[in-house]
């Protein structure tokens, strides 16, 4: 198994951990593919990952059919190994290609230069979970109630999802989520609201989180980068191992005035 396929499997596991406690979530998965439908009217909360599964085409077809049955938009990513075969199928099913999502890895031994010292706390308990959710809602310009239904509920001590908050004095500034699997951890939901950006808080939080997990034996870190986040991750030593093809299935009301 090459590194891309291995990391996609870890992404599948991370998505299950991140969505598994959402009330009413519908999930279907194999080792290499996962569909998670929360029922929210935003594609950001209805996710499909397609890895190198022998029946990735069948998984794609059944997943899109289910999203359409429920009248839900869907966000999908495909690994390079299945893209050629699945792209025409996806278009026929009504999905639209919207670019790529770099799959990045920080390997063991890659030095990460320390940033400014910052106080970080793990988001556990209603008050801190709410603070982390507020930061995410502001950073992603997402309705706070959707964050509460789909993210806050999964931030628990035993969910396998660990969320951290960086503070400037008594002000929460930035948050990030880590999903450990063995000696590799997924990084996601890196969120710094616009009013706190360009102050180095996101970098300070991420470098300290990486250092803390390395001290506990974590060897690698992986993430799916956005265009906005790519310069930060590259500056920290993350390498792009694959460009995942990104697709959107619009909801039934898309385009209607």
Foldseek 3Di string as FASTA:
>chain_A
DDPVQVVQLVVQVVVCLQFVQQPPWDWDDDSRKIWIDNLDQDQVRTEIEAEDDPVSVVVVVVRLVVCVVSLHKHKYWYFPVCCVVCVVVCVVSQKDWDFWWFKKKFFFPQDFDADDAWDKDKQEDDVSLLLQLVQLCQQVVHDSVVCVNRGSSSRYPPSQKIKMFTDDVPHTFWMWIWRDDPLEIEIDSTGGHPVRPPPCRSVNVVVVVVVVSVVVRRGMYIYTDDPVCVVSCVNRPMDGPGIITMIMRHGPCPPPD
